[in-house]
Amino acid sequence: MVPGTADEPLDEVDRRRAAARIRDALDENVLGLEEAGRRLSEVLRAPSRARLDRLTRDLDPGDEPVDDGLDHATLLCAGLRILLFAALTALLLTVLMHGVEPMDRF
């Protein structure tokens, strides 16, 4: 973090640095997906540098990686497939329930 008083108000740069460190830890498998998400949301609500320091203190390179058994690329791909399936299902249900009407309403 930026040198200074731990209780100083935060600026956007401090928050971005902390969020980048958490994302790096996720990419390096130091943090699991749920823990990284929890910490990122706390970064947005952190009132001081001291709180940001507590959120990133254990993320120094050399910490033991967390093996959650999930490949992040595979997880992302699966999530995108689910979203696509849900969107197509909603579209199909809408067409089946309401039929197809001309688009002259716009």
N, C-alpha and C. Protein backbone atom coordinates (compact mmCIF):
# COMPACT_ATOMS: atom_id res chain seq x y z
N MET A 1 0.82 -1.18 0.00
CA MET A 1 0.00 0.00 0.00
C MET A 1 0.87 1.26 0.00
N VAL A 2 0.27 2.38 -0.25
CA VAL A 2 0.96 3.65 -0.28
C VAL A 2 1.35 4.02 1.13
N PRO A 3 2.61 4.51 1.33
CA PRO A 3 3.00 4.90 2.68
C PRO A 3 2.09 5.99 3.23
N GLY A 4 1.92 5.99 4.51
CA GLY A 4 1.07 7.00 5.14
C GLY A 4 0.36 6.39 6.33
N THR A 5 -0.49 7.16 6.92
CA THR A 5 -1.24 6.71 8.07
C THR A 5 -2.23 5.64 7.67
N ALA A 6 -2.30 4.60 8.47
CA ALA A 6 -3.19 3.48 8.14
C ALA A 6 -4.66 3.88 8.16
N ASP A 7 -5.00 4.90 8.93
CA ASP A 7 -6.40 5.31 9.02
C ASP A 7 -6.76 6.43 8.05
N GLU A 8 -5.86 6.76 7.13
CA GLU A 8 -6.17 7.78 6.13
C GLU A 8 -7.32 7.31 5.24
N PRO A 9 -8.12 8.25 4.74
CA PRO A 9 -9.16 7.87 3.78
C PRO A 9 -8.52 7.28 2.53
N LEU A 10 -9.25 6.43 1.87
CA LEU A 10 -8.74 5.77 0.68
C LEU A 10 -9.06 6.57 -0.57
N ASP A 11 -8.21 6.42 -1.56
CA ASP A 11 -8.56 6.95 -2.86
C ASP A 11 -8.70 5.77 -3.82
N GLU A 12 -9.11 6.06 -5.02
CA GLU A 12 -9.38 5.01 -6.01
C GLU A 12 -8.14 4.19 -6.33
N VAL A 13 -6.97 4.83 -6.32
CA VAL A 13 -5.71 4.13 -6.62
C VAL A 13 -5.45 3.03 -5.60
N ASP A 14 -5.68 3.33 -4.32
CA ASP A 14 -5.48 2.32 -3.26
C ASP A 14 -6.40 1.12 -3.48
N ARG A 15 -7.65 1.39 -3.77
CA ARG A 15 -8.61 0.31 -3.98
C ARG A 15 -8.23 -0.53 -5.20
N ARG A 16 -7.80 0.15 -6.27
CA ARG A 16 -7.42 -0.59 -7.48
C ARG A 16 -6.20 -1.46 -7.24
N ARG A 17 -5.23 -0.95 -6.48
CA ARG A 17 -4.05 -1.76 -6.16
C ARG A 17 -4.43 -3.01 -5.38
N ALA A 18 -5.27 -2.84 -4.37
CA ALA A 18 -5.69 -3.98 -3.56
C ALA A 18 -6.48 -4.98 -4.40
N ALA A 19 -7.38 -4.48 -5.24
CA ALA A 19 -8.16 -5.37 -6.10
C ALA A 19 -7.26 -6.11 -7.08
N ALA A 20 -6.26 -5.43 -7.63
CA ALA A 20 -5.32 -6.09 -8.55
C ALA A 20 -4.54 -7.19 -7.84
N ARG A 21 -4.14 -6.95 -6.60
CA ARG A 21 -3.39 -7.97 -5.85
C ARG A 21 -4.28 -9.19 -5.58
N ILE A 22 -5.54 -8.96 -5.29
CA ILE A 22 -6.46 -10.08 -5.05
C ILE A 22 -6.70 -10.86 -6.35
N ARG A 23 -6.87 -10.14 -7.46
CA ARG A 23 -7.04 -10.82 -8.76
C ARG A 23 -5.79 -11.63 -9.12
N ASP A 24 -4.62 -11.06 -8.84
CA ASP A 24 -3.38 -11.80 -9.10
C ASP A 24 -3.32 -13.07 -8.25
N ALA A 25 -3.73 -12.95 -7.00
CA ALA A 25 -3.72 -14.12 -6.11
C ALA A 25 -4.69 -15.18 -6.61
N LEU A 26 -5.81 -14.77 -7.18
CA LEU A 26 -6.76 -15.71 -7.76
C LEU A 26 -6.13 -16.39 -8.97
N ASP A 27 -5.49 -15.62 -9.84
CA ASP A 27 -4.83 -16.18 -11.02
C ASP A 27 -3.72 -17.15 -10.65
N GLU A 28 -3.05 -16.87 -9.53
CA GLU A 28 -1.94 -17.72 -9.08
C GLU A 28 -2.41 -18.89 -8.21
N ASN A 29 -3.71 -19.04 -8.04
CA ASN A 29 -4.30 -20.08 -7.19
C ASN A 29 -3.92 -19.93 -5.73
N VAL A 30 -3.59 -18.73 -5.31
CA VAL A 30 -3.33 -18.47 -3.89
C VAL A 30 -4.66 -18.36 -3.15
N LEU A 31 -5.68 -17.82 -3.85
CA LEU A 31 -7.03 -17.72 -3.30
C LEU A 31 -7.99 -18.53 -4.15
N GLY A 32 -9.00 -19.07 -3.51
CA GLY A 32 -10.08 -19.72 -4.23
C GLY A 32 -11.05 -18.67 -4.76
N LEU A 33 -11.94 -19.10 -5.61
CA LEU A 33 -12.89 -18.21 -6.27
C LEU A 33 -13.80 -17.48 -5.26
N GLU A 34 -14.34 -18.21 -4.32
CA GLU A 34 -15.25 -17.59 -3.34
C GLU A 34 -14.52 -16.59 -2.45
N GLU A 35 -13.33 -16.95 -1.98
CA GLU A 35 -12.58 -16.06 -1.11
C GLU A 35 -12.17 -14.79 -1.85
N ALA A 36 -11.76 -14.92 -3.10
CA ALA A 36 -11.38 -13.75 -3.88
C ALA A 36 -12.58 -12.83 -4.08
N GLY A 37 -13.73 -13.40 -4.36
CA GLY A 37 -14.94 -12.59 -4.52
C GLY A 37 -15.32 -11.86 -3.25
N ARG A 38 -15.20 -12.56 -2.12
CA ARG A 38 -15.51 -11.93 -0.83
C ARG A 38 -14.57 -10.77 -0.56
N ARG A 39 -13.28 -10.99 -0.81
CA ARG A 39 -12.31 -9.93 -0.55
C ARG A 39 -12.50 -8.74 -1.48
N LEU A 40 -12.80 -9.01 -2.75
CA LEU A 40 -13.00 -7.91 -3.69
C LEU A 40 -14.20 -7.05 -3.27
N SER A 41 -15.26 -7.68 -2.81
CA SER A 41 -16.41 -6.89 -2.37
C SER A 41 -16.06 -6.09 -1.11
N GLU A 42 -15.22 -6.64 -0.25
CA GLU A 42 -14.80 -5.90 0.95
C GLU A 42 -13.88 -4.74 0.60
N VAL A 43 -13.07 -4.90 -0.47
CA VAL A 43 -12.21 -3.80 -0.91
C VAL A 43 -13.06 -2.58 -1.26
N LEU A 44 -14.20 -2.81 -1.89
CA LEU A 44 -15.08 -1.69 -2.26
C LEU A 44 -15.67 -0.98 -1.05
N ARG A 45 -15.82 -1.71 0.05
CA ARG A 45 -16.42 -1.13 1.26
C ARG A 45 -15.40 -0.70 2.30
N ALA A 46 -14.13 -0.97 2.06
CA ALA A 46 -13.10 -0.69 3.07
C ALA A 46 -13.03 0.81 3.37
N PRO A 47 -13.08 1.18 4.66
CA PRO A 47 -13.06 2.60 5.01
C PRO A 47 -11.65 3.19 5.15
N SER A 48 -10.62 2.33 5.26
CA SER A 48 -9.27 2.85 5.52
C SER A 48 -8.21 1.95 4.89
N ARG A 49 -6.99 2.48 4.83
CA ARG A 49 -5.87 1.69 4.33
C ARG A 49 -5.60 0.49 5.24
N ALA A 50 -5.84 0.66 6.53
CA ALA A 50 -5.62 -0.45 7.46
C ALA A 50 -6.49 -1.64 7.08
N ARG A 51 -7.72 -1.39 6.69
CA ARG A 51 -8.62 -2.48 6.29
C ARG A 51 -8.12 -3.13 5.00
N LEU A 52 -7.67 -2.32 4.04
CA LEU A 52 -7.12 -2.89 2.81
C LEU A 52 -5.89 -3.73 3.11
N ASP A 53 -5.06 -3.25 4.02
CA ASP A 53 -3.87 -4.02 4.39
C ASP A 53 -4.25 -5.37 4.96
N ARG A 54 -5.29 -5.41 5.79
CA ARG A 54 -5.72 -6.69 6.36
C ARG A 54 -6.25 -7.63 5.27
N LEU A 55 -6.86 -7.07 4.23
CA LEU A 55 -7.42 -7.91 3.16
C LEU A 55 -6.35 -8.49 2.25
N THR A 56 -5.19 -7.85 2.18
CA THR A 56 -4.15 -8.31 1.25
C THR A 56 -2.86 -8.74 1.94
N ARG A 57 -2.80 -8.66 3.26
CA ARG A 57 -1.57 -8.95 4.00
C ARG A 57 -1.03 -10.35 3.73
N ASP A 58 -1.89 -11.33 3.62
CA ASP A 58 -1.45 -12.71 3.45
C ASP A 58 -1.24 -13.09 1.98
N LEU A 59 -1.26 -12.13 1.08
CA LEU A 59 -1.15 -12.44 -0.34
C LEU A 59 0.25 -12.19 -0.90
N ASP A 60 1.24 -12.16 -0.05
CA ASP A 60 2.60 -11.99 -0.52
C ASP A 60 3.00 -13.19 -1.36
N PRO A 61 3.78 -12.97 -2.43
CA PRO A 61 4.26 -14.12 -3.20
C PRO A 61 5.01 -15.07 -2.27
N GLY A 62 4.83 -16.33 -2.48
CA GLY A 62 5.46 -17.33 -1.63
C GLY A 62 4.48 -18.00 -0.70
N ASP A 63 3.28 -17.43 -0.54
CA ASP A 63 2.25 -18.11 0.26
C ASP A 63 1.84 -19.38 -0.47
N GLU A 64 1.37 -20.34 0.27
CA GLU A 64 0.96 -21.61 -0.32
C GLU A 64 -0.29 -21.44 -1.16
N PRO A 65 -0.32 -21.98 -2.37
CA PRO A 65 -1.53 -21.90 -3.19
C PRO A 65 -2.66 -22.74 -2.62
N VAL A 66 -3.87 -22.29 -2.87
CA VAL A 66 -5.06 -23.03 -2.46
C VAL A 66 -5.51 -23.86 -3.65
N ASP A 67 -5.60 -25.17 -3.47
CA ASP A 67 -6.06 -26.02 -4.56
C ASP A 67 -7.52 -26.35 -4.32
N ASP A 68 -8.40 -25.64 -5.03
CA ASP A 68 -9.82 -25.90 -4.87
C ASP A 68 -10.33 -26.90 -5.89
N GLY A 69 -9.42 -27.43 -6.71
CA GLY A 69 -9.80 -28.44 -7.69
C GLY A 69 -10.51 -27.89 -8.91
N LEU A 70 -10.58 -26.57 -9.05
CA LEU A 70 -11.28 -25.97 -10.17
C LEU A 70 -10.29 -25.26 -11.09
N ASP A 71 -10.40 -25.55 -12.36
CA ASP A 71 -9.64 -24.83 -13.36
C ASP A 71 -10.48 -23.60 -13.72
N HIS A 72 -9.95 -22.43 -13.55
CA HIS A 72 -10.74 -21.21 -13.70
C HIS A 72 -11.23 -21.00 -15.13
N ALA A 73 -10.45 -21.38 -16.11
CA ALA A 73 -10.90 -21.25 -17.51
C ALA A 73 -12.10 -22.17 -17.77
N THR A 74 -12.04 -23.38 -17.25
CA THR A 74 -13.14 -24.33 -17.41
C THR A 74 -14.39 -23.82 -16.71
N LEU A 75 -14.21 -23.28 -15.52
CA LEU A 75 -15.33 -22.73 -14.76
C LEU A 75 -15.97 -21.56 -15.50
N LEU A 76 -15.16 -20.68 -16.06
CA LEU A 76 -15.69 -19.56 -16.82
C LEU A 76 -16.45 -20.05 -18.05
N CYS A 77 -15.89 -21.01 -18.75
CA CYS A 77 -16.54 -21.56 -19.94
C CYS A 77 -17.89 -22.19 -19.57
N ALA A 78 -17.92 -22.92 -18.48
CA ALA A 78 -19.17 -23.55 -18.04
C ALA A 78 -20.21 -22.49 -17.67
N GLY A 79 -19.78 -21.44 -17.01
CA GLY A 79 -20.69 -20.36 -16.65
C GLY A 79 -21.28 -19.66 -17.88
N LEU A 80 -20.44 -19.44 -18.88
CA LEU A 80 -20.92 -18.81 -20.10
C LEU A 80 -21.91 -19.72 -20.84
N ARG A 81 -21.67 -21.01 -20.82
CA ARG A 81 -22.61 -21.94 -21.45
C ARG A 81 -23.95 -21.93 -20.74
N ILE A 82 -23.91 -21.87 -19.42
CA ILE A 82 -25.16 -21.82 -18.66
C ILE A 82 -25.93 -20.54 -18.97
N LEU A 83 -25.23 -19.42 -19.05
CA LEU A 83 -25.90 -18.16 -19.39
C LEU A 83 -26.51 -18.20 -20.79
N LEU A 84 -25.79 -18.77 -21.73
CA LEU A 84 -26.31 -18.89 -23.09
C LEU A 84 -27.55 -19.79 -23.12
N PHE A 85 -27.48 -20.90 -22.42
CA PHE A 85 -28.61 -21.82 -22.36
C PHE A 85 -29.83 -21.14 -21.74
N ALA A 86 -29.60 -20.38 -20.66
CA ALA A 86 -30.71 -19.68 -19.99
C ALA A 86 -31.33 -18.63 -20.91
N ALA A 87 -30.50 -17.90 -21.62
CA ALA A 87 -31.02 -16.88 -22.54
C ALA A 87 -31.82 -17.51 -23.67
N LEU A 88 -31.31 -18.59 -24.24
CA LEU A 88 -32.04 -19.26 -25.31
C LEU A 88 -33.34 -19.87 -24.81
N THR A 89 -33.33 -20.42 -23.62
CA THR A 89 -34.54 -20.99 -23.03
C THR A 89 -35.59 -19.90 -22.80
N ALA A 90 -35.17 -18.76 -22.28
CA ALA A 90 -36.10 -17.65 -22.06
C ALA A 90 -36.68 -17.16 -23.38
N LEU A 91 -35.86 -17.08 -24.40
CA LEU A 91 -36.35 -16.65 -25.71
C LEU A 91 -37.35 -17.65 -26.28
N LEU A 92 -37.05 -18.92 -26.18
CA LEU A 92 -37.94 -19.96 -26.68
C LEU A 92 -39.27 -19.95 -25.93
N LEU A 93 -39.22 -19.83 -24.62
CA LEU A 93 -40.46 -19.79 -23.83
C LEU A 93 -41.29 -18.56 -24.17
N THR A 94 -40.65 -17.43 -24.39
CA THR A 94 -41.37 -16.22 -24.76
C THR A 94 -42.08 -16.40 -26.10
N VAL A 95 -41.38 -16.98 -27.06
CA VAL A 95 -41.98 -17.20 -28.38
C VAL A 95 -43.13 -18.19 -28.28
N LEU A 96 -42.97 -19.25 -27.51
CA LEU A 96 -44.02 -20.24 -27.37
C LEU A 96 -45.25 -19.68 -26.66
N MET A 97 -45.03 -18.84 -25.67
CA MET A 97 -46.15 -18.31 -24.90
C MET A 97 -46.88 -17.16 -25.61
N HIS A 98 -46.15 -16.34 -26.33
CA HIS A 98 -46.74 -15.14 -26.90
C HIS A 98 -46.78 -15.14 -28.43
N GLY A 99 -46.14 -16.08 -29.03
CA GLY A 99 -46.10 -16.11 -30.48
C GLY A 99 -45.15 -15.05 -31.02
N VAL A 100 -45.00 -15.02 -32.30
CA VAL A 100 -44.14 -14.03 -32.94
C VAL A 100 -45.03 -12.95 -33.52
N GLU A 101 -44.79 -11.71 -33.14
CA GLU A 101 -45.56 -10.59 -33.62
C GLU A 101 -44.69 -9.70 -34.49
N PRO A 102 -45.31 -8.93 -35.37
CA PRO A 102 -44.52 -8.00 -36.19
C PRO A 102 -43.79 -6.99 -35.29
N MET A 103 -42.70 -6.50 -35.79
CA MET A 103 -41.88 -5.58 -35.00
C MET A 103 -42.20 -4.13 -35.31
N ASP A 104 -43.44 -3.81 -35.68
CA ASP A 104 -43.80 -2.44 -35.99
C ASP A 104 -44.21 -1.65 -34.74
N ARG A 105 -44.08 -2.25 -33.57
CA ARG A 105 -44.42 -1.57 -32.32
C ARG A 105 -43.34 -0.55 -31.92
N PHE A 106 -42.17 -0.68 -32.42
CA PHE A 106 -41.09 0.21 -32.01
C PHE A 106 -41.25 1.49 -32.72
